[in-house]
Amino acid sequence: MIWIYWILLFLATFLIMECITWLTHKFVMHGFLWVLHRDHHQQSDGFFEKNDWFFVIFAIPSIALIYNGTMESIWWQQAIGFGIMAYGAAYFLVHDIIIHQRFKLFTKSTNQYVLGIRWAHKMHHKHLNKEHGESFGMLYVHRKYREKVKRDKLMIKQRQMQKVSQPQFNE
């Protein structure tokens, strides 16, 4: 029976991490730890950024919970630790690979979720300073960005239809 609780706590932790990430991004990264996050919003040379330290900061409690939960047979610590780790892996996939293209994968995706998350993140990065930010979450795409992607797709489809319906004259 504990394995059911383990899975539920793992999933709950994964979902709660989106809220924690939003709060941390808005109030910590764009607040008193802007010194670590600034280079992520402004052009920087090199593969690594100071902002990458946040990966380490979030990994520490995950590793500690997994380690202690395993060594002391405390199932709930393990579930929370693995939930944080799974969110970190999803964050890395979405943020560093899909959005920022640190590795050239999914470069030509037309998936509506991918386009929406990229647009939301682009709107976040239009602000080069810590003030006036928007779209602080990572995996959840706000409705206004999803609707923008739908409108863009519809507009492209309508333009294609107009090109097809226009008569072609040969000289």
C-alpha atoms as a PDB file:
ATOM      1  CA  MET A   1       0.000   0.000   0.000  1.00  0.00           C
ATOM      2  CA  ILE A   2       2.882   2.375   0.682  1.00  0.00           C
ATOM      3  CA  TRP A   3       3.900   2.292  -2.991  1.00  0.00           C
ATOM      4  CA  ILE A   4       0.571   3.976  -3.868  1.00  0.00           C
ATOM      5  CA  TYR A   5       1.302   6.750  -1.373  1.00  0.00           C
ATOM      6  CA  TRP A   6       4.860   6.955  -2.715  1.00  0.00           C
ATOM      7  CA  ILE A   7       3.587   7.506  -6.284  1.00  0.00           C
ATOM      8  CA  LEU A   8       0.971  10.039  -5.158  1.00  0.00           C
ATOM      9  CA  LEU A   9       3.533  11.996  -3.110  1.00  0.00           C
ATOM     10  CA  PHE A  10       6.009  11.850  -6.005  1.00  0.00           C
ATOM     11  CA  LEU A  11       3.381  13.274  -8.406  1.00  0.00           C
ATOM     12  CA  ALA A  12       2.207  15.892  -5.893  1.00  0.00           C
ATOM     13  CA  THR A  13       5.803  17.011  -5.352  1.00  0.00           C
ATOM     14  CA  PHE A  14       6.358  17.278  -9.103  1.00  0.00           C
ATOM     15  CA  LEU A  15       3.258  19.481  -9.457  1.00  0.00           C
ATOM     16  CA  ILE A  16       4.050  21.591  -6.396  1.00  0.00           C
ATOM     17  CA  MET A  17       7.530  22.250  -7.808  1.00  0.00           C
ATOM     18  CA  GLU A  18       5.947  24.333 -10.603  1.00  0.00           C
ATOM     19  CA  CYS A  19       4.483  26.637  -7.932  1.00  0.00           C
ATOM     20  CA  ILE A  20       7.766  26.714  -6.017  1.00  0.00           C
ATOM     21  CA  THR A  21       9.624  27.474  -9.244  1.00  0.00           C
ATOM     22  CA  TRP A  22       7.231  30.317 -10.090  1.00  0.00           C
ATOM     23  CA  LEU A  23       7.640  31.859  -6.614  1.00  0.00           C
ATOM     24  CA  THR A  24      11.414  31.358  -6.594  1.00  0.00           C
ATOM     25  CA  HIS A  25      11.778  32.786 -10.091  1.00  0.00           C
ATOM     26  CA  LYS A  26       9.678  35.878  -9.358  1.00  0.00           C
ATOM     27  CA  PHE A  27      10.821  36.719  -5.821  1.00  0.00           C
ATOM     28  CA  VAL A  28      14.304  35.196  -5.481  1.00  0.00           C
ATOM     29  CA  MET A  29      15.827  35.113  -8.986  1.00  0.00           C
ATOM     30  CA  HIS A  30      14.293  38.484  -9.868  1.00  0.00           C
ATOM     31  CA  GLY A  31      14.892  39.650  -6.311  1.00  0.00           C
ATOM     32  CA  PHE A  32      17.849  39.300  -3.977  1.00  0.00           C
ATOM     33  CA  LEU A  33      19.631  36.664  -6.139  1.00  0.00           C
ATOM     34  CA  TRP A  34      19.353  38.675  -9.363  1.00  0.00           C
ATOM     35  CA  VAL A  35      23.169  38.710  -9.305  1.00  0.00           C
ATOM     36  CA  LEU A  36      23.051  35.006 -10.259  1.00  0.00           C
ATOM     37  CA  HIS A  37      20.135  35.300 -12.686  1.00  0.00           C
ATOM     38  CA  ARG A  38      21.112  38.496 -14.558  1.00  0.00           C
ATOM     39  CA  ASP A  39      23.391  36.803 -17.094  1.00  0.00           C
ATOM     40  CA  HIS A  40      20.467  34.616 -18.149  1.00  0.00           C
ATOM     41  CA  HIS A  41      18.554  37.709 -19.321  1.00  0.00           C
ATOM     42  CA  GLN A  42      21.509  39.486 -20.846  1.00  0.00           C
ATOM     43  CA  GLN A  43      23.877  38.237 -23.512  1.00  0.00           C
ATOM     44  CA  SER A  44      26.785  36.306 -22.027  1.00  0.00           C
ATOM     45  CA  ASP A  45      29.692  34.419 -23.523  1.00  0.00           C
ATOM     46  CA  GLY A  46      30.256  30.760 -22.896  1.00  0.00           C
ATOM     47  CA  PHE A  47      28.131  27.684 -22.406  1.00  0.00           C
ATOM     48  CA  PHE A  48      27.603  28.045 -18.659  1.00  0.00           C
ATOM     49  CA  GLU A  49      25.966  30.949 -16.839  1.00  0.00           C
ATOM     50  CA  LYS A  50      25.898  32.024 -13.195  1.00  0.00           C
ATOM     51  CA  ASN A  51      22.198  31.190 -13.458  1.00  0.00           C
ATOM     52  CA  ASP A  52      23.164  27.490 -13.667  1.00  0.00           C
ATOM     53  CA  TRP A  53      23.885  27.614  -9.923  1.00  0.00           C
ATOM     54  CA  PHE A  54      20.131  27.416  -9.381  1.00  0.00           C
ATOM     55  CA  PHE A  55      20.302  23.856 -10.722  1.00  0.00           C
ATOM     56  CA  VAL A  56      22.742  23.045  -7.905  1.00  0.00           C
ATOM     57  CA  ILE A  57      20.641  24.923  -5.336  1.00  0.00           C
ATOM     58  CA  PHE A  58      17.541  22.864  -6.230  1.00  0.00           C
ATOM     59  CA  ALA A  59      19.529  19.621  -6.509  1.00  0.00           C
ATOM     60  CA  ILE A  60      20.862  19.775  -2.941  1.00  0.00           C
ATOM     61  CA  PRO A  61      17.540  19.119  -1.134  1.00  0.00           C
ATOM     62  CA  SER A  62      16.632  16.496  -3.731  1.00  0.00           C
ATOM     63  CA  ILE A  63      19.887  14.590  -3.224  1.00  0.00           C
ATOM     64  CA  ALA A  64      19.657  14.937   0.565  1.00  0.00           C
ATOM     65  CA  LEU A  65      16.078  13.635   0.643  1.00  0.00           C
ATOM     66  CA  ILE A  66      16.813  10.717  -1.692  1.00  0.00           C
ATOM     67  CA  TYR A  67      19.963   9.791   0.242  1.00  0.00           C
ATOM     68  CA  ASN A  68      18.424  10.043   3.700  1.00  0.00           C
ATOM     69  CA  GLY A  69      15.181   8.419   2.589  1.00  0.00           C
ATOM     70  CA  THR A  70      17.117   5.493   1.147  1.00  0.00           C
ATOM     71  CA  MET A  71      19.613   5.076   3.997  1.00  0.00           C
ATOM     72  CA  GLU A  72      17.000   5.435   6.762  1.00  0.00           C
ATOM     73  CA  SER A  73      14.140   3.705   4.879  1.00  0.00           C
ATOM     74  CA  ILE A  74      11.932   6.785   5.029  1.00  0.00           C
ATOM     75  CA  TRP A  75       9.704   6.329   1.968  1.00  0.00           C
ATOM     76  CA  TRP A  76       8.161   9.804   1.969  1.00  0.00           C
ATOM     77  CA  GLN A  77      11.567  11.530   1.880  1.00  0.00           C
ATOM     78  CA  GLN A  78      12.524   9.366  -1.073  1.00  0.00           C
ATOM     79  CA  ALA A  79       9.276  10.194  -2.901  1.00  0.00           C
ATOM     80  CA  ILE A  80       9.717  13.944  -2.362  1.00  0.00           C
ATOM     81  CA  GLY A  81      13.394  13.782  -3.375  1.00  0.00           C
ATOM     82  CA  PHE A  82      12.607  11.897  -6.572  1.00  0.00           C
ATOM     83  CA  GLY A  83       9.687  14.270  -7.295  1.00  0.00           C
ATOM     84  CA  ILE A  84      12.060  17.236  -7.090  1.00  0.00           C
ATOM     85  CA  MET A  85      14.569  15.383  -9.277  1.00  0.00           C
ATOM     86  CA  ALA A  86      11.925  14.554 -11.906  1.00  0.00           C
ATOM     87  CA  TYR A  87      10.833  18.201 -12.010  1.00  0.00           C
ATOM     88  CA  GLY A  88      14.482  19.223 -12.403  1.00  0.00           C
ATOM     89  CA  ALA A  89      14.856  16.840 -15.355  1.00  0.00           C
ATOM     90  CA  ALA A  90      11.651  18.208 -16.953  1.00  0.00           C
ATOM     91  CA  TYR A  91      12.841  21.760 -16.300  1.00  0.00           C
ATOM     92  CA  PHE A  92      16.173  21.005 -17.979  1.00  0.00           C
ATOM     93  CA  LEU A  93      14.445  19.433 -20.990  1.00  0.00           C
ATOM     94  CA  VAL A  94      11.971  22.290 -21.432  1.00  0.00           C
ATOM     95  CA  HIS A  95      14.105  25.275 -20.446  1.00  0.00           C
ATOM     96  CA  ASP A  96      17.614  24.403 -21.579  1.00  0.00           C
ATOM     97  CA  ILE A  97      16.928  22.099 -24.536  1.00  0.00           C
ATOM     98  CA  ILE A  98      13.546  23.106 -26.009  1.00  0.00           C
ATOM     99  CA  ILE A  99      13.487  26.840 -25.195  1.00  0.00           C
ATOM    100  CA  HIS A 100      17.108  27.991 -25.134  1.00  0.00           C
ATOM    101  CA  GLN A 101      18.460  25.337 -27.503  1.00  0.00           C
ATOM    102  CA  ARG A 102      21.626  24.685 -25.496  1.00  0.00           C
ATOM    103  CA  PHE A 103      21.575  21.376 -27.328  1.00  0.00           C
ATOM    104  CA  LYS A 104      20.191  21.451 -30.861  1.00  0.00           C
ATOM    105  CA  LEU A 105      17.181  19.181 -30.429  1.00  0.00           C
ATOM    106  CA  PHE A 106      13.529  19.957 -31.240  1.00  0.00           C
ATOM    107  CA  THR A 107      14.641  22.984 -33.269  1.00  0.00           C
ATOM    108  CA  LYS A 108      11.786  22.897 -35.787  1.00  0.00           C
ATOM    109  CA  SER A 109       8.928  21.741 -33.587  1.00  0.00           C
ATOM    110  CA  THR A 110       5.431  22.859 -34.558  1.00  0.00           C
ATOM    111  CA  ASN A 111       3.893  21.356 -31.425  1.00  0.00           C
ATOM    112  CA  GLN A 112       1.416  23.813 -29.918  1.00  0.00           C
ATOM    113  CA  TYR A 113       2.745  23.327 -26.355  1.00  0.00           C
ATOM    114  CA  VAL A 114       6.354  23.848 -27.457  1.00  0.00           C
ATOM    115  CA  LEU A 115       5.444  26.977 -29.434  1.00  0.00           C
ATOM    116  CA  GLY A 116       3.413  28.327 -26.511  1.00  0.00           C
ATOM    117  CA  ILE A 117       6.145  27.746 -23.932  1.00  0.00           C
ATOM    118  CA  ARG A 118       8.739  29.291 -26.249  1.00  0.00           C
ATOM    119  CA  TRP A 119       6.554  32.379 -26.777  1.00  0.00           C
ATOM    120  CA  ALA A 120       5.861  32.737 -23.042  1.00  0.00           C
ATOM    121  CA  HIS A 121       9.574  32.511 -22.309  1.00  0.00           C
ATOM    122  CA  LYS A 122      10.362  35.007 -25.065  1.00  0.00           C
ATOM    123  CA  MET A 123       7.940  37.444 -23.411  1.00  0.00           C
ATOM    124  CA  HIS A 124       9.716  36.817 -20.108  1.00  0.00           C
ATOM    125  CA  HIS A 125      13.109  37.556 -21.672  1.00  0.00           C
ATOM    126  CA  LYS A 126      12.028  40.758 -23.398  1.00  0.00           C
ATOM    127  CA  HIS A 127      12.769  42.385 -20.028  1.00  0.00           C
ATOM    128  CA  LEU A 128      16.537  42.664 -19.629  1.00  0.00           C
ATOM    129  CA  ASN A 129      16.320  43.810 -16.022  1.00  0.00           C
ATOM    130  CA  LYS A 130      14.669  42.246 -13.000  1.00  0.00           C
ATOM    131  CA  GLU A 131      11.657  44.577 -13.012  1.00  0.00           C
ATOM    132  CA  HIS A 132       8.401  44.281 -14.992  1.00  0.00           C
ATOM    133  CA  GLY A 133       8.757  40.565 -15.660  1.00  0.00           C
ATOM    134  CA  GLU A 134       6.007  38.206 -16.765  1.00  0.00           C
ATOM    135  CA  SER A 135       5.555  34.474 -17.233  1.00  0.00           C
ATOM    136  CA  PHE A 136       7.672  33.178 -14.336  1.00  0.00           C
ATOM    137  CA  GLY A 137       6.530  29.552 -14.525  1.00  0.00           C
ATOM    138  CA  MET A 138       8.252  26.878 -16.521  1.00  0.00           C
ATOM    139  CA  LEU A 139       6.035  23.966 -17.534  1.00  0.00           C
ATOM    140  CA  TYR A 140       2.593  25.595 -17.384  1.00  0.00           C
ATOM    141  CA  VAL A 141       1.709  27.766 -20.382  1.00  0.00           C
ATOM    142  CA  HIS A 142      -0.708  30.589 -19.587  1.00  0.00           C
ATOM    143  CA  ARG A 143      -3.852  30.729 -21.731  1.00  0.00           C
ATOM    144  CA  LYS A 144      -2.906  34.034 -23.406  1.00  0.00           C
ATOM    145  CA  TYR A 145       0.232  32.411 -24.879  1.00  0.00           C
ATOM    146  CA  ARG A 146      -1.655  29.290 -25.970  1.00  0.00           C
ATOM    147  CA  GLU A 147      -4.282  31.474 -27.652  1.00  0.00           C
ATOM    148  CA  LYS A 148      -1.580  33.524 -29.403  1.00  0.00           C
ATOM    149  CA  VAL A 149      -0.105  30.331 -30.872  1.00  0.00           C
ATOM    150  CA  LYS A 150      -3.582  29.225 -32.034  1.00  0.00           C
ATOM    151  CA  ARG A 151      -4.189  32.620 -33.680  1.00  0.00           C
ATOM    152  CA  ASP A 152      -0.797  32.473 -35.413  1.00  0.00           C
ATOM    153  CA  LYS A 153      -1.462  28.964 -36.739  1.00  0.00           C
ATOM    154  CA  LEU A 154      -4.908  30.010 -37.981  1.00  0.00           C
ATOM    155  CA  MET A 155      -3.461  33.099 -39.679  1.00  0.00           C
ATOM    156  CA  ILE A 156      -0.788  31.013 -41.436  1.00  0.00           C
ATOM    157  CA  LYS A 157      -3.418  28.516 -42.570  1.00  0.00           C
ATOM    158  CA  GLN A 158      -5.645  31.324 -43.909  1.00  0.00           C
ATOM    159  CA  ARG A 159      -2.729  32.842 -45.851  1.00  0.00           C
ATOM    160  CA  GLN A 160      -1.967  29.463 -47.373  1.00  0.00           C
ATOM    161  CA  MET A 161      -5.602  29.044 -48.363  1.00  0.00           C
ATOM    162  CA  GLN A 162      -5.616  32.500 -49.984  1.00  0.00           C
ATOM    163  CA  LYS A 163      -2.532  31.657 -52.032  1.00  0.00           C
ATOM    164  CA  VAL A 164      -4.158  28.452 -53.252  1.00  0.00           C
ATOM    165  CA  SER A 165      -7.474  30.144 -54.128  1.00  0.00           C
ATOM    166  CA  GLN A 166      -5.890  33.008 -56.092  1.00  0.00           C
ATOM    167  CA  PRO A 167      -5.888  32.380 -59.866  1.00  0.00           C
ATOM    168  CA  GLN A 168      -2.490  31.856 -61.453  1.00  0.00           C
ATOM    169  CA  PHE A 169      -1.938  33.761 -64.730  1.00  0.00           C
ATOM    170  CA  ASN A 170       0.653  32.613 -67.183  1.00  0.00           C
ATOM    171  CA  GLU A 171       2.118  35.143 -69.562  1.00  0.00           C
END
